Amino acid sequence: MTPPEILGTLESALYAGDLAAAESFYADILGLPVIARQKGRHIFFAAGESLLLVFDPAATADGAPAGARLPVPGHGAKGPGHYCFKVSAQALDAWRTYLEESGVEIEADFAWPNGARSIYVRDPAGNSVEFAPAALWF
C-alpha cells in the first residue's frame, strides 16, 4: 500500500522558557506576525505558508489538563532545537546585514557542497535558526 501524499510542513515547534524574549526576536526583529498566544504557554507565528510554534516546555510537558477542550498530548524538548526559514538566495546578503544591524550575532555563514548558502543565528532561548534557499535541498 502506498501512503497518501504529504504536502509539506504545516507547523514546526521550538521551545523557549522566556516567551517574551522569543516574541521580541521572532516578531520584533524577524517581523513574523503573531497569530496566537496563550500567556505562559505558547506564542505562534506565521512564517510564509507555515507556522512556527514556540512553546514554554515547562507548560507543555504534561499535555492538556484533564477535561481540557483540546486534549493536546504532552510535548517538549530539552536543549536547543533547530528551525530553518526558507528565503531567496538573493536575499541572504540583505538578511545578514539586517540581522547584524539588529544586534543579532551571525554564528555561521557558509556555502554547502551543492552551492547553496546558509546563515545561522541563535534565538534568545539558544535555538539554532537558519536562513537558506530551497536550493539547499531541492
C-alpha atoms as a PDB file:
ATOM      1  CA  MET A   1       0.000   0.000   0.000  1.00  0.00           C
ATOM      2  CA  THR A   2       1.297   3.473  -0.901  1.00  0.00           C
ATOM      3  CA  PRO A   3       0.987   6.213   1.743  1.00  0.00           C
ATOM      4  CA  PRO A   4      -1.155   9.251   0.946  1.00  0.00           C
ATOM      5  CA  GLU A   5       0.692  12.350  -0.300  1.00  0.00           C
ATOM      6  CA  ILE A   6       2.414  14.661   2.197  1.00  0.00           C
ATOM      7  CA  LEU A   7       2.022  18.259   1.050  1.00  0.00           C
ATOM      8  CA  GLY A   8       4.788  19.849   3.135  1.00  0.00           C
ATOM      9  CA  THR A   9       5.322  21.174   6.625  1.00  0.00           C
ATOM     10  CA  LEU A  10       2.330  22.898   8.196  1.00  0.00           C
ATOM     11  CA  GLU A  11       3.931  23.750  11.511  1.00  0.00           C
ATOM     12  CA  SER A  12       7.123  23.213  13.419  1.00  0.00           C
ATOM     13  CA  ALA A  13       7.866  23.891  17.077  1.00  0.00           C
ATOM     14  CA  LEU A  14      10.686  25.331  19.113  1.00  0.00           C
ATOM     15  CA  TYR A  15      10.802  25.653  22.879  1.00  0.00           C
ATOM     16  CA  ALA A  16      11.673  28.705  24.965  1.00  0.00           C
ATOM     17  CA  GLY A  17      11.309  29.338  28.678  1.00  0.00           C
ATOM     18  CA  ASP A  18      11.082  33.108  28.093  1.00  0.00           C
ATOM     19  CA  LEU A  19       8.187  33.684  25.697  1.00  0.00           C
ATOM     20  CA  ALA A  20       8.537  37.477  25.855  1.00  0.00           C
ATOM     21  CA  ALA A  21      12.135  37.232  24.619  1.00  0.00           C
ATOM     22  CA  ALA A  22      11.010  34.813  21.896  1.00  0.00           C
ATOM     23  CA  GLU A  23       8.296  37.233  20.797  1.00  0.00           C
ATOM     24  CA  SER A  24      10.776  40.094  20.717  1.00  0.00           C
ATOM     25  CA  PHE A  25      13.103  38.075  18.472  1.00  0.00           C
ATOM     26  CA  TYR A  26      10.587  36.488  16.094  1.00  0.00           C
ATOM     27  CA  ALA A  27       8.039  39.324  15.876  1.00  0.00           C
ATOM     28  CA  ASP A  28      10.041  42.480  16.517  1.00  0.00           C
ATOM     29  CA  ILE A  29      13.343  41.547  14.846  1.00  0.00           C
ATOM     30  CA  LEU A  30      12.324  38.983  12.208  1.00  0.00           C
ATOM     31  CA  GLY A  31       8.930  40.570  11.545  1.00  0.00           C
ATOM     32  CA  LEU A  32       6.817  37.423  11.848  1.00  0.00           C
ATOM     33  CA  PRO A  33       3.150  38.124  12.578  1.00  0.00           C
ATOM     34  CA  VAL A  34       1.844  36.737  15.867  1.00  0.00           C
ATOM     35  CA  ILE A  35      -1.272  34.695  15.151  1.00  0.00           C
ATOM     36  CA  ALA A  36      -1.978  33.272  18.622  1.00  0.00           C
ATOM     37  CA  ARG A  37      -0.657  33.378  22.148  1.00  0.00           C
ATOM     38  CA  GLN A  38      -1.527  31.921  25.499  1.00  0.00           C
ATOM     39  CA  LYS A  39       0.297  33.650  28.330  1.00  0.00           C
ATOM     40  CA  GLY A  40       2.827  31.371  29.973  1.00  0.00           C
ATOM     41  CA  ARG A  41       2.257  28.551  27.465  1.00  0.00           C
ATOM     42  CA  HIS A  42       2.873  29.456  23.827  1.00  0.00           C
ATOM     43  CA  ILE A  43       3.130  32.020  21.068  1.00  0.00           C
ATOM     44  CA  PHE A  44       2.507  31.156  17.415  1.00  0.00           C
ATOM     45  CA  PHE A  45       3.908  33.000  14.384  1.00  0.00           C
ATOM     46  CA  ALA A  46       3.049  32.946  10.687  1.00  0.00           C
ATOM     47  CA  ALA A  47       6.122  32.073   8.611  1.00  0.00           C
ATOM     48  CA  GLY A  48       5.145  32.261   4.962  1.00  0.00           C
ATOM     49  CA  GLU A  49       2.762  29.382   4.325  1.00  0.00           C
ATOM     50  CA  SER A  50       3.714  27.580   7.533  1.00  0.00           C
ATOM     51  CA  LEU A  51       3.659  28.225  11.255  1.00  0.00           C
ATOM     52  CA  LEU A  52       6.384  28.499  13.841  1.00  0.00           C
ATOM     53  CA  LEU A  53       5.050  27.425  17.223  1.00  0.00           C
ATOM     54  CA  VAL A  54       7.093  28.473  20.269  1.00  0.00           C
ATOM     55  CA  PHE A  55       6.120  26.691  23.471  1.00  0.00           C
ATOM     56  CA  ASP A  56       7.316  27.033  27.039  1.00  0.00           C
ATOM     57  CA  PRO A  57       8.455  23.438  27.627  1.00  0.00           C
ATOM     58  CA  ALA A  58       7.550  23.575  31.323  1.00  0.00           C
ATOM     59  CA  ALA A  59       3.935  24.337  30.383  1.00  0.00           C
ATOM     60  CA  THR A  60       3.539  21.702  27.675  1.00  0.00           C
ATOM     61  CA  ALA A  61       5.471  18.709  29.007  1.00  0.00           C
ATOM     62  CA  ASP A  62       2.429  17.146  30.683  1.00  0.00           C
ATOM     63  CA  GLY A  63      -0.075  17.981  27.953  1.00  0.00           C
ATOM     64  CA  ALA A  64      -3.501  19.478  28.390  1.00  0.00           C
ATOM     65  CA  PRO A  65      -5.111  19.204  31.814  1.00  0.00           C
ATOM     66  CA  ALA A  66      -7.823  16.578  32.306  1.00  0.00           C
ATOM     67  CA  GLY A  67     -11.103  17.695  30.779  1.00  0.00           C
ATOM     68  CA  ALA A  68      -9.486  20.321  28.520  1.00  0.00           C
ATOM     69  CA  ARG A  69     -11.449  21.319  25.426  1.00  0.00           C
ATOM     70  CA  LEU A  70      -8.414  20.477  23.251  1.00  0.00           C
ATOM     71  CA  PRO A  71      -6.664  17.368  24.632  1.00  0.00           C
ATOM     72  CA  VAL A  72      -3.204  18.063  23.150  1.00  0.00           C
ATOM     73  CA  PRO A  73      -0.693  15.405  24.230  1.00  0.00           C
ATOM     74  CA  GLY A  74       2.386  16.392  26.195  1.00  0.00           C
ATOM     75  CA  HIS A  75       5.421  17.519  24.232  1.00  0.00           C
ATOM     76  CA  GLY A  76       8.644  19.381  24.732  1.00  0.00           C
ATOM     77  CA  ALA A  77      12.352  19.291  24.190  1.00  0.00           C
ATOM     78  CA  LYS A  78      15.492  19.733  26.225  1.00  0.00           C
ATOM     79  CA  GLY A  79      18.372  21.692  24.791  1.00  0.00           C
ATOM     80  CA  PRO A  80      18.436  23.838  21.689  1.00  0.00           C
ATOM     81  CA  GLY A  81      16.321  22.973  18.673  1.00  0.00           C
ATOM     82  CA  HIS A  82      16.625  23.995  15.031  1.00  0.00           C
ATOM     83  CA  TYR A  83      14.429  25.906  12.592  1.00  0.00           C
ATOM     84  CA  CYS A  84      15.237  26.934   9.018  1.00  0.00           C
ATOM     85  CA  PHE A  85      13.475  29.836   7.319  1.00  0.00           C
ATOM     86  CA  LYS A  86      13.233  29.470   3.532  1.00  0.00           C
ATOM     87  CA  VAL A  87      14.455  32.691   1.941  1.00  0.00           C
ATOM     88  CA  SER A  88      15.579  33.529  -1.579  1.00  0.00           C
ATOM     89  CA  ALA A  89      19.270  33.140  -2.351  1.00  0.00           C
ATOM     90  CA  GLN A  90      19.278  36.777  -3.486  1.00  0.00           C
ATOM     91  CA  ALA A  91      18.032  37.901  -0.050  1.00  0.00           C
ATOM     92  CA  LEU A  92      20.799  36.262   2.012  1.00  0.00           C
ATOM     93  CA  ASP A  93      23.141  39.263   1.934  1.00  0.00           C
ATOM     94  CA  ALA A  94      20.262  41.557   2.936  1.00  0.00           C
ATOM     95  CA  TRP A  95      19.322  39.181   5.763  1.00  0.00           C
ATOM     96  CA  ARG A  96      22.906  39.110   7.019  1.00  0.00           C
ATOM     97  CA  THR A  97      23.128  42.907   7.007  1.00  0.00           C
ATOM     98  CA  TYR A  98      19.714  43.274   8.645  1.00  0.00           C
ATOM     99  CA  LEU A  99      20.471  40.740  11.384  1.00  0.00           C
ATOM    100  CA  GLU A 100      23.832  42.334  12.183  1.00  0.00           C
ATOM    101  CA  GLU A 101      22.289  45.811  12.276  1.00  0.00           C
ATOM    102  CA  SER A 102      19.606  44.429  14.614  1.00  0.00           C
ATOM    103  CA  GLY A 103      22.288  43.210  17.027  1.00  0.00           C
ATOM    104  CA  VAL A 104      21.885  39.524  16.154  1.00  0.00           C
ATOM    105  CA  GLU A 105      25.235  37.726  16.039  1.00  0.00           C
ATOM    106  CA  ILE A 106      25.875  35.611  12.950  1.00  0.00           C
ATOM    107  CA  GLU A 107      27.005  32.200  14.166  1.00  0.00           C
ATOM    108  CA  ALA A 108      27.835  30.803  10.717  1.00  0.00           C
ATOM    109  CA  ASP A 109      27.590  31.822   7.062  1.00  0.00           C
ATOM    110  CA  PHE A 110      28.812  29.314   4.513  1.00  0.00           C
ATOM    111  CA  ALA A 111      28.206  27.567   1.200  1.00  0.00           C
ATOM    112  CA  TRP A 112      27.181  23.911   1.186  1.00  0.00           C
ATOM    113  CA  PRO A 113      28.838  21.444  -1.238  1.00  0.00           C
ATOM    114  CA  ASN A 114      25.851  21.806  -3.599  1.00  0.00           C
ATOM    115  CA  GLY A 115      26.430  25.595  -3.770  1.00  0.00           C
ATOM    116  CA  ALA A 116      23.517  26.644  -1.536  1.00  0.00           C
ATOM    117  CA  ARG A 117      24.327  29.083   1.259  1.00  0.00           C
ATOM    118  CA  SER A 118      23.067  29.169   4.858  1.00  0.00           C
ATOM    119  CA  ILE A 119      23.212  31.795   7.576  1.00  0.00           C
ATOM    120  CA  TYR A 120      22.845  30.656  11.194  1.00  0.00           C
ATOM    121  CA  VAL A 121      21.964  32.666  14.313  1.00  0.00           C
ATOM    122  CA  ARG A 122      20.691  31.800  17.801  1.00  0.00           C
ATOM    123  CA  ASP A 123      17.366  32.938  19.223  1.00  0.00           C
ATOM    124  CA  PRO A 124      17.197  34.094  22.870  1.00  0.00           C
ATOM    125  CA  ALA A 125      16.490  30.504  24.020  1.00  0.00           C
ATOM    126  CA  GLY A 126      19.597  29.192  22.250  1.00  0.00           C
ATOM    127  CA  ASN A 127      17.745  27.542  19.364  1.00  0.00           C
ATOM    128  CA  SER A 128      19.649  27.367  16.078  1.00  0.00           C
ATOM    129  CA  VAL A 129      17.863  29.490  13.474  1.00  0.00           C
ATOM    130  CA  GLU A 130      18.912  29.098   9.852  1.00  0.00           C
ATOM    131  CA  PHE A 131      18.122  31.184   6.758  1.00  0.00           C
ATOM    132  CA  ALA A 132      18.569  29.292   3.473  1.00  0.00           C
ATOM    133  CA  PRO A 133      17.103  28.971  -0.013  1.00  0.00           C
ATOM    134  CA  ALA A 134      15.151  25.902  -1.102  1.00  0.00           C
ATOM    135  CA  ALA A 135      18.138  25.013  -3.306  1.00  0.00           C
ATOM    136  CA  LEU A 136      19.746  23.679  -0.130  1.00  0.00           C
ATOM    137  CA  TRP A 137      17.598  20.575  -0.581  1.00  0.00           C
ATOM    138  CA  PHE A 138      15.788  20.827  -3.926  1.00  0.00           C
END
